[in-house]
Protein backbone atom coordinates (compact mmCIF):
# COMPACT_ATOMS: atom_id res chain seq x y z
CA UNK A 1 0.63 -49.63 -4.65
CA UNK A 2 -0.44 -48.36 -1.22
CA UNK A 3 -0.92 -44.82 -2.57
CA UNK A 4 -3.24 -46.17 -5.29
CA UNK A 5 -5.31 -48.00 -2.67
CA UNK A 6 -5.63 -44.88 -0.54
CA UNK A 7 -6.96 -42.90 -3.51
CA UNK A 8 -9.39 -45.72 -4.43
CA UNK A 9 -10.65 -45.91 -0.82
CA UNK A 10 -11.24 -42.15 -0.69
CA UNK A 11 -13.34 -42.35 -3.84
CA UNK A 12 -15.51 -45.11 -2.31
CA UNK A 13 -15.99 -43.22 0.98
CA UNK A 14 -17.00 -40.07 -0.91
CA UNK A 15 -19.92 -41.72 -2.72
CA UNK A 16 -23.44 -40.45 -2.02
CA UNK A 17 -24.73 -44.03 -2.06
CA UNK A 18 -25.61 -45.59 1.32
CA UNK A 19 -23.37 -48.59 0.54
CA UNK A 20 -20.39 -49.23 -1.69
CA UNK A 21 -18.39 -52.40 -2.44
CA UNK A 22 -14.77 -52.78 -3.41
CA UNK A 23 -12.35 -55.67 -3.71
CA UNK A 24 -8.71 -55.68 -2.79
CA UNK A 25 -6.17 -58.46 -3.22
CA UNK A 26 -3.45 -57.89 -0.62
CA UNK A 27 -0.19 -59.78 -0.99
CA UNK A 28 0.70 -62.30 1.74
CA UNK A 29 1.98 -60.56 4.85
CA UNK A 30 0.58 -57.12 3.86
CA UNK A 31 -0.61 -54.71 6.54
CA UNK A 32 -2.67 -51.53 6.21
CA UNK A 33 -1.43 -50.32 9.58
CA UNK A 34 -3.59 -48.43 12.04
CA UNK A 35 -6.18 -46.26 10.29
CA UNK A 36 -9.82 -45.18 10.42
CA UNK A 37 -12.79 -45.04 8.03
CA UNK A 38 -15.65 -42.48 7.79
CA UNK A 39 -18.22 -45.28 7.38
CA UNK A 40 -18.66 -48.87 8.55
CA UNK A 41 -16.93 -51.76 6.84
CA UNK A 42 -17.62 -55.44 6.21
CA UNK A 43 -14.45 -57.45 5.54
CA UNK A 44 -14.72 -60.82 3.77
CA UNK A 45 -11.83 -63.22 3.23
CA UNK A 46 -12.15 -65.25 0.01
CA UNK A 47 -8.87 -66.99 0.63
CA UNK A 48 -6.02 -66.67 3.09
CA UNK A 49 -6.49 -65.39 6.60
CA UNK A 50 -6.92 -61.81 7.84
CA UNK A 51 -6.20 -60.52 11.32
CA UNK A 52 -8.29 -57.47 12.14
CA UNK A 53 -7.42 -55.37 15.20
CA UNK A 54 -9.39 -52.50 16.70
CA UNK A 55 -9.82 -50.82 20.09
CA UNK A 56 -12.63 -53.35 20.80
CA UNK A 57 -10.61 -56.52 20.08
CA UNK A 58 -8.82 -58.74 17.61
CA UNK A 59 -10.48 -61.08 15.10
CA UNK A 60 -8.99 -63.83 12.94
CA UNK A 61 -10.94 -64.02 9.65
CA UNK A 62 -10.52 -67.36 7.84
CA UNK A 63 -11.59 -67.96 4.21
CA UNK A 64 -15.32 -67.60 3.46
CA UNK A 65 -15.91 -65.67 6.68
CA UNK A 66 -16.51 -61.99 7.40
CA UNK A 67 -16.14 -59.50 10.20
């Protein structure tokens, strides 16, 4: 499944459009591990809780919130 997500992500980053949207439903306890993106991201939690870590800090993202 992770390989499929990586390929999907690369397609979205390669678009010529200034903005692209994509949805992902991660299973409970999933982690993407440390990684980087060629463009900015907005993460939105519809349900469950996400923990987002970066060099600048750590954010807890509850349902219906974004970071």
